[in-house]
Amino acid sequence: MSNLTDERSAPAATLAARQRIHDDGRGPDSRRLARRSRAQTRVRWELLRNLIRKDLKVKYKGSTLGFAWSLANPLLLLAVYTLVFQVIMNAGVPRFGVYLMSGLLIWNAFSASVSAASGSVVFNANLVKKVRFPLPVLPLSAVGFAIVHFVLQLAVLFAVVAALGYSFVGFQLLLLVPAFTVAMIFTMGLAMLVSALNVRYRDTEHLLEVALLAWFWLNPIVYPVGLIRKLLHEWTWIYFLNPMATVVATFQRAIYKGPTVNPANGQGILADPGYFFYLEHLAVAGAMSLGLLWLGTHVFRRMQADFAEDL
């Protein structure tokens, strides 16, 4: 009875405040912690830029050539793969080096991003346990680092292709925009997911390494899409449910302007000579990538409260 009497005699403002706390299920301290958690989750772009810049400086610290090493890599790959697959093994694809590098560069950016992101939280354990900052910048900085290298290497590829006299300029280059966008959304989603899972389940990093090795061969990088059509026929659409296969095929359509059909056996080289095929499959891949980004972000936010304890 005394409690009932106290509540009836309490001022209306006090009762309203109590009701708000009761409805929210938390008091001032809990709300303060919730705000701090949201601030810790929110990405700080300046911090992200500084982390990417730091990673770039550390990678080439003490190196005489510096960033030139990232530019030399695609030149060496182009020369080696052209020699092996076009001269020695005779893959039957004209200008095979250009065809292969068109898809290989974006795959390497994806693979490097996800691999580095998987250990980004674990490798920064001391920082995570001692300093409060937006934790998503750790996996995202790995993605940003790989993007910088990809852009530089793509510019080198364009320069070499132009110097060799191969034609690649045309409206088809506009396909690079949606393809790159889908690739980055998919990469960020997977990077967020594996970086969080690897904190609690340390086998994630090793499983990912094996998965990426197998995943590489599920993309039309070292073989033409016509080979998949020959094997799967009307079930080829299942192959393109792999978002990276769609991205790789689109990059090849955008950059490679060789024949669309192998003159030796009539087997298709590109997935499709038009544009609608790629835009349609990119739309599906984009929807899947957004779903993965939501899942990765959700899992990361749910698990980040336990990072310090798990580490």
Protein backbone atom coordinates (compact mmCIF):
# COMPACT_ATOMS: atom_id res chain seq x y z
CA MET A 1 0.00 0.00 0.00
CA SER A 2 2.84 2.39 0.81
CA ASN A 3 4.36 1.94 -2.66
CA LEU A 4 1.00 2.63 -4.27
CA THR A 5 0.55 5.75 -2.13
CA ASP A 6 4.05 7.02 -3.02
CA GLU A 7 3.46 6.58 -6.72
CA ARG A 8 0.11 8.41 -6.52
CA SER A 9 1.69 11.31 -4.63
CA ALA A 10 4.74 11.56 -6.90
CA PRO A 11 4.85 14.47 -9.39
CA ALA A 12 3.63 13.73 -12.89
CA ALA A 13 7.04 14.52 -14.41
CA THR A 14 8.73 11.99 -12.14
CA LEU A 15 6.21 9.32 -13.04
CA ALA A 16 6.69 10.09 -16.73
CA ALA A 17 10.46 9.78 -16.37
CA ARG A 18 10.07 6.46 -14.58
CA GLN A 19 7.73 5.26 -17.30
CA ARG A 20 10.22 6.19 -20.01
CA ILE A 21 12.99 4.30 -18.25
CA HIS A 22 10.67 1.35 -17.75
CA ASP A 23 9.60 1.43 -21.40
CA ASP A 24 13.16 1.69 -22.65
CA GLY A 25 14.28 -1.13 -20.40
CA ARG A 26 17.37 0.83 -19.38
CA GLY A 27 18.45 3.70 -17.18
CA PRO A 28 20.75 6.67 -17.91
CA ASP A 29 23.89 4.54 -17.60
CA SER A 30 22.57 1.97 -20.05
CA ARG A 31 21.63 4.67 -22.52
CA ARG A 32 25.09 6.19 -22.20
CA LEU A 33 26.68 2.82 -22.90
CA ALA A 34 24.39 2.33 -25.89
CA ARG A 35 25.41 5.72 -27.33
CA ARG A 36 29.07 4.86 -26.77
CA SER A 37 28.60 1.53 -28.53
CA ARG A 38 26.95 3.22 -31.52
CA ALA A 39 29.78 5.76 -31.68
CA GLN A 40 32.30 2.94 -31.57
CA THR A 41 30.53 1.20 -34.45
CA ARG A 42 30.16 4.30 -36.61
CA VAL A 43 32.94 4.54 -39.18
CA ARG A 44 35.19 7.59 -38.95
CA TRP A 45 36.32 8.32 -42.48
CA GLU A 46 39.35 10.36 -41.39
CA LEU A 47 40.54 7.47 -39.24
CA LEU A 48 39.93 5.05 -42.11
CA ARG A 49 42.00 7.19 -44.50
CA ASN A 50 44.83 7.43 -41.98
CA LEU A 51 44.88 3.66 -41.45
CA ILE A 52 45.04 3.04 -45.21
CA ARG A 53 47.82 5.62 -45.56
CA LYS A 54 49.70 4.01 -42.67
CA ASP A 55 49.42 0.54 -44.23
CA LEU A 56 50.73 1.83 -47.55
CA LYS A 57 53.71 3.54 -45.89
CA VAL A 58 54.55 0.48 -43.79
CA LYS A 59 54.39 -1.89 -46.77
CA TYR A 60 56.92 0.08 -48.81
CA LYS A 61 59.01 1.50 -45.96
CA GLY A 62 62.71 1.26 -46.78
CA SER A 63 61.98 0.16 -50.35
CA THR A 64 63.92 1.89 -53.12
CA LEU A 65 61.15 1.57 -55.72
CA GLY A 66 58.28 2.09 -53.27
CA PHE A 67 54.91 2.20 -55.02
CA ALA A 68 56.59 1.15 -58.26
CA TRP A 69 56.49 -2.44 -56.97
CA SER A 70 52.70 -2.40 -57.10
CA LEU A 71 52.92 -1.18 -60.69
CA ALA A 72 55.54 -3.74 -61.69
CA ASN A 73 53.39 -6.64 -60.50
CA PRO A 74 50.74 -6.46 -63.28
CA LEU A 75 53.47 -6.03 -65.92
CA LEU A 76 55.21 -9.20 -64.76
CA LEU A 77 51.94 -11.14 -64.56
CA LEU A 78 50.92 -9.99 -68.03
CA ALA A 79 54.23 -11.11 -69.52
CA VAL A 80 54.31 -14.47 -67.69
CA TYR A 81 50.70 -15.47 -68.38
CA THR A 82 50.95 -14.43 -72.02
CA LEU A 83 54.06 -16.56 -72.44
CA VAL A 84 52.60 -19.59 -70.64
CA PHE A 85 49.01 -19.65 -71.87
CA GLN A 86 49.33 -18.12 -75.32
CA VAL A 87 52.77 -19.19 -76.53
CA ILE A 88 53.56 -22.43 -74.68
CA MET A 89 50.13 -23.93 -73.94
CA ASN A 90 48.25 -22.14 -76.75
CA ALA A 91 44.97 -21.56 -74.89
CA GLY A 92 43.33 -20.56 -78.17
CA VAL A 93 42.23 -17.14 -76.91
CA PRO A 94 43.71 -14.25 -78.92
CA ARG A 95 45.44 -11.67 -76.71
CA PHE A 96 45.04 -14.05 -73.79
CA GLY A 97 47.16 -11.89 -71.50
CA VAL A 98 44.71 -9.00 -71.77
CA TYR A 99 41.75 -11.36 -71.30
CA LEU A 100 43.28 -12.94 -68.20
CA MET A 101 44.46 -9.71 -66.55
CA SER A 102 41.03 -8.12 -67.07
CA GLY A 103 39.57 -10.59 -64.61
CA LEU A 104 42.63 -11.40 -62.51
CA LEU A 105 43.18 -7.88 -61.17
CA ILE A 106 39.71 -7.55 -59.66
CA TRP A 107 39.92 -11.08 -58.24
CA ASN A 108 43.30 -10.32 -56.65
CA ALA A 109 41.85 -7.17 -55.09
CA PHE A 110 38.92 -9.15 -53.67
CA SER A 111 41.10 -12.01 -52.42
CA ALA A 112 43.70 -9.73 -50.83
CA SER A 113 41.00 -7.62 -49.15
CA VAL A 114 39.18 -10.55 -47.56
CA SER A 115 42.40 -12.34 -46.53
CA ALA A 116 43.80 -9.23 -44.83
CA ALA A 117 40.46 -8.35 -43.24
CA SER A 118 40.06 -11.80 -41.68
CA GLY A 119 42.98 -11.14 -39.32
CA SER A 120 42.59 -7.38 -38.99
CA VAL A 121 40.96 -7.44 -35.54
CA VAL A 122 43.15 -10.26 -34.17
CA PHE A 123 46.38 -8.62 -35.36
CA ASN A 124 45.36 -5.36 -33.66
CA ALA A 125 44.43 -7.03 -30.36
CA ASN A 126 46.43 -4.57 -28.22
CA LEU A 127 44.72 -1.64 -29.89
CA VAL A 128 41.25 -3.17 -29.55
CA LYS A 129 41.70 -3.90 -25.84
CA LYS A 130 43.17 -0.52 -24.87
CA VAL A 131 41.59 2.14 -27.09
CA ARG A 132 37.96 2.94 -27.88
CA PHE A 133 37.48 3.61 -31.57
CA PRO A 134 35.11 2.51 -34.38
CA LEU A 135 36.18 -1.10 -34.85
CA PRO A 136 34.75 -1.53 -38.41
CA VAL A 137 37.62 0.61 -39.73
CA LEU A 138 39.98 -2.34 -39.17
CA PRO A 139 38.51 -4.66 -41.85
CA LEU A 140 37.51 -1.72 -44.03
CA SER A 141 41.07 -0.39 -44.03
CA ALA A 142 42.20 -3.74 -45.46
CA VAL A 143 39.64 -3.31 -48.25
CA GLY A 144 40.76 0.27 -48.88
CA PHE A 145 44.39 -0.77 -49.05
CA ALA A 146 43.59 -3.37 -51.73
CA ILE A 147 41.47 -0.85 -53.68
CA VAL A 148 44.41 1.57 -53.93
CA HIS A 149 46.59 -1.18 -55.37
CA PHE A 150 43.83 -2.28 -57.75
CA VAL A 151 43.32 1.22 -59.17
CA LEU A 152 47.06 1.65 -59.73
CA GLN A 153 47.41 -1.75 -61.37
CA LEU A 154 44.37 -1.20 -63.57
CA ALA A 155 45.90 2.08 -64.77
CA VAL A 156 49.10 0.21 -65.64
CA LEU A 157 47.11 -2.41 -67.54
CA PHE A 158 45.36 0.27 -69.57
CA ALA A 159 48.69 1.95 -70.33
CA VAL A 160 50.32 -1.31 -71.47
CA VAL A 161 47.33 -2.34 -73.58
CA ALA A 162 47.32 1.07 -75.26
CA ALA A 163 51.09 0.92 -75.82
CA LEU A 164 50.73 -2.49 -77.50
CA GLY A 165 48.19 -1.01 -79.89
CA TYR A 166 45.21 -3.01 -78.64
CA SER A 167 41.90 -1.22 -78.81
CA PHE A 168 39.89 -1.06 -75.60
CA VAL A 169 38.28 2.39 -75.63
CA GLY A 170 34.52 2.33 -76.06
CA PHE A 171 31.16 2.47 -74.36
CA GLN A 172 31.74 -0.99 -72.93
CA LEU A 173 34.13 0.56 -70.38
CA LEU A 174 31.08 2.00 -68.60
CA LEU A 175 30.39 -1.55 -67.41
CA LEU A 176 33.34 -1.13 -65.05
CA VAL A 177 31.31 1.21 -62.84
CA PRO A 178 28.50 -1.17 -61.78
CA ALA A 179 30.88 -4.15 -61.77
CA PHE A 180 33.33 -2.39 -59.45
CA THR A 181 30.49 -1.21 -57.22
CA VAL A 182 29.12 -4.74 -56.83
CA ALA A 183 32.62 -6.09 -56.18
CA MET A 184 33.28 -3.57 -53.40
CA ILE A 185 29.92 -4.14 -51.68
CA PHE A 186 30.44 -7.88 -51.79
CA THR A 187 34.03 -7.53 -50.55
CA MET A 188 33.10 -5.25 -47.65
CA GLY A 189 30.29 -7.55 -46.56
CA LEU A 190 32.51 -10.64 -46.56
CA ALA A 191 35.39 -8.73 -44.94
CA MET A 192 33.17 -7.60 -42.05
CA LEU A 193 31.83 -11.12 -41.58
CA VAL A 194 35.12 -13.04 -41.56
CA SER A 195 36.92 -10.43 -39.43
CA ALA A 196 34.30 -10.84 -36.70
CA LEU A 197 34.10 -14.63 -36.91
CA ASN A 198 37.88 -15.00 -36.82
CA VAL A 199 38.07 -13.35 -33.39
CA ARG A 200 36.04 -16.13 -31.78
CA TYR A 201 36.72 -18.96 -34.22
CA ARG A 202 40.40 -18.79 -35.17
CA ASP A 203 40.03 -21.52 -37.80
CA THR A 204 38.09 -19.02 -39.93
CA GLU A 205 41.28 -17.53 -41.34
CA HIS A 206 42.66 -20.91 -42.39
CA LEU A 207 39.36 -22.10 -43.85
CA LEU A 208 39.11 -18.86 -45.80
CA GLU A 209 42.55 -19.41 -47.32
CA VAL A 210 41.50 -22.82 -48.63
CA ALA A 211 38.11 -21.51 -49.78
CA LEU A 212 39.69 -18.66 -51.76
CA LEU A 213 42.04 -21.08 -53.47
CA ALA A 214 39.09 -23.20 -54.64
CA TRP A 215 36.94 -20.13 -55.34
CA PHE A 216 39.51 -18.82 -57.82
CA TRP A 217 38.72 -21.69 -60.19
CA LEU A 218 34.99 -20.95 -60.02
CA ASN A 219 35.59 -17.76 -61.99
CA PRO A 220 36.30 -17.46 -65.75
CA ILE A 221 39.84 -16.13 -65.32
CA VAL A 222 42.16 -18.73 -66.85
CA TYR A 223 39.46 -20.35 -68.98
CA PRO A 224 36.73 -18.88 -71.21
CA VAL A 225 33.06 -18.86 -70.25
CA GLY A 226 32.32 -20.97 -73.31
CA LEU A 227 33.83 -23.93 -71.52
CA ILE A 228 31.25 -23.57 -68.74
CA ARG A 229 28.42 -23.25 -71.26
CA LYS A 230 29.61 -26.43 -72.92
CA LEU A 231 29.53 -28.30 -69.60
CA LEU A 232 26.38 -26.86 -67.99
CA HIS A 233 24.27 -25.89 -71.03
CA GLU A 234 20.96 -24.44 -69.77
CA TRP A 235 22.19 -24.63 -66.17
CA THR A 236 24.89 -22.01 -66.77
CA TRP A 237 22.85 -19.48 -64.77
CA ILE A 238 23.80 -21.40 -61.61
CA TYR A 239 27.45 -20.64 -62.33
CA PHE A 240 26.68 -16.91 -62.38
CA LEU A 241 25.03 -17.01 -58.96
CA ASN A 242 28.62 -16.61 -57.83
CA PRO A 243 28.85 -12.79 -57.63
CA MET A 244 32.58 -12.76 -58.38
CA ALA A 245 32.06 -14.81 -61.55
CA THR A 246 29.67 -12.12 -62.76
CA VAL A 247 32.08 -9.35 -61.79
CA VAL A 248 35.04 -11.04 -63.49
CA ALA A 249 33.04 -11.72 -66.67
CA THR A 250 31.88 -8.09 -66.75
CA PHE A 251 35.42 -6.76 -66.35
CA GLN A 252 36.49 -8.96 -69.24
CA ARG A 253 33.64 -7.65 -71.41
CA ALA A 254 34.61 -4.07 -70.52
CA ILE A 255 38.36 -4.33 -71.19
CA TYR A 256 38.92 -7.22 -73.60
CA LYS A 257 37.95 -6.30 -77.18
CA GLY A 258 39.22 -9.41 -78.90
CA PRO A 259 36.96 -11.88 -80.72
CA THR A 260 34.01 -13.13 -78.70
CA VAL A 261 34.36 -16.64 -80.16
CA ASN A 262 37.47 -18.82 -80.32
CA PRO A 263 38.28 -19.06 -84.07
CA ALA A 264 39.82 -22.52 -83.58
CA ASN A 265 36.84 -24.37 -82.07
CA GLY A 266 33.96 -21.92 -82.15
CA GLN A 267 33.77 -21.86 -78.36
CA GLY A 268 32.65 -18.62 -76.75
CA ILE A 269 35.29 -16.48 -75.05
CA LEU A 270 33.14 -13.79 -73.46
CA ALA A 271 29.95 -14.50 -71.54
CA ASP A 272 27.89 -12.43 -73.98
CA PRO A 273 28.69 -9.92 -76.76
CA GLY A 274 26.04 -7.44 -75.57
CA TYR A 275 25.46 -5.42 -72.42
CA PHE A 276 22.07 -6.44 -71.01
CA PHE A 277 23.35 -9.87 -69.95
CA TYR A 278 25.93 -8.29 -67.67
CA LEU A 279 23.61 -5.64 -66.24
CA GLU A 280 20.98 -8.27 -65.48
CA HIS A 281 23.43 -10.56 -63.68
CA LEU A 282 25.06 -7.62 -61.90
CA ALA A 283 21.64 -6.68 -60.52
CA VAL A 284 21.28 -10.17 -59.04
CA ALA A 285 24.86 -10.10 -57.73
CA GLY A 286 24.26 -6.63 -56.30
CA ALA A 287 21.21 -7.80 -54.37
CA MET A 288 23.19 -10.75 -52.99
CA SER A 289 26.07 -8.41 -52.09
CA LEU A 290 23.79 -6.02 -50.21
CA GLY A 291 22.39 -8.97 -48.28
CA LEU A 292 25.91 -10.08 -47.40
CA LEU A 293 26.85 -6.55 -46.38
CA TRP A 294 23.86 -6.38 -44.04
CA LEU A 295 24.72 -9.80 -42.59
CA GLY A 296 28.40 -8.95 -42.15
CA THR A 297 27.63 -5.62 -40.48
CA HIS A 298 25.01 -7.20 -38.22
CA VAL A 299 27.32 -10.02 -37.11
CA PHE A 300 30.20 -7.60 -36.55
CA ARG A 301 28.09 -5.31 -34.36
CA ARG A 302 26.71 -8.22 -32.36
CA MET A 303 30.13 -9.75 -31.73
CA GLN A 304 32.28 -6.65 -31.23
CA ALA A 305 31.23 -6.26 -27.59
CA ASP A 306 33.10 -9.50 -26.83
CA PHE A 307 36.21 -8.76 -28.92
CA ALA A 308 38.33 -7.62 -25.98
CA GLU A 309 37.37 -10.68 -23.93
CA ASP A 310 37.91 -13.12 -26.83
CA LEU A 311 41.27 -11.62 -27.62
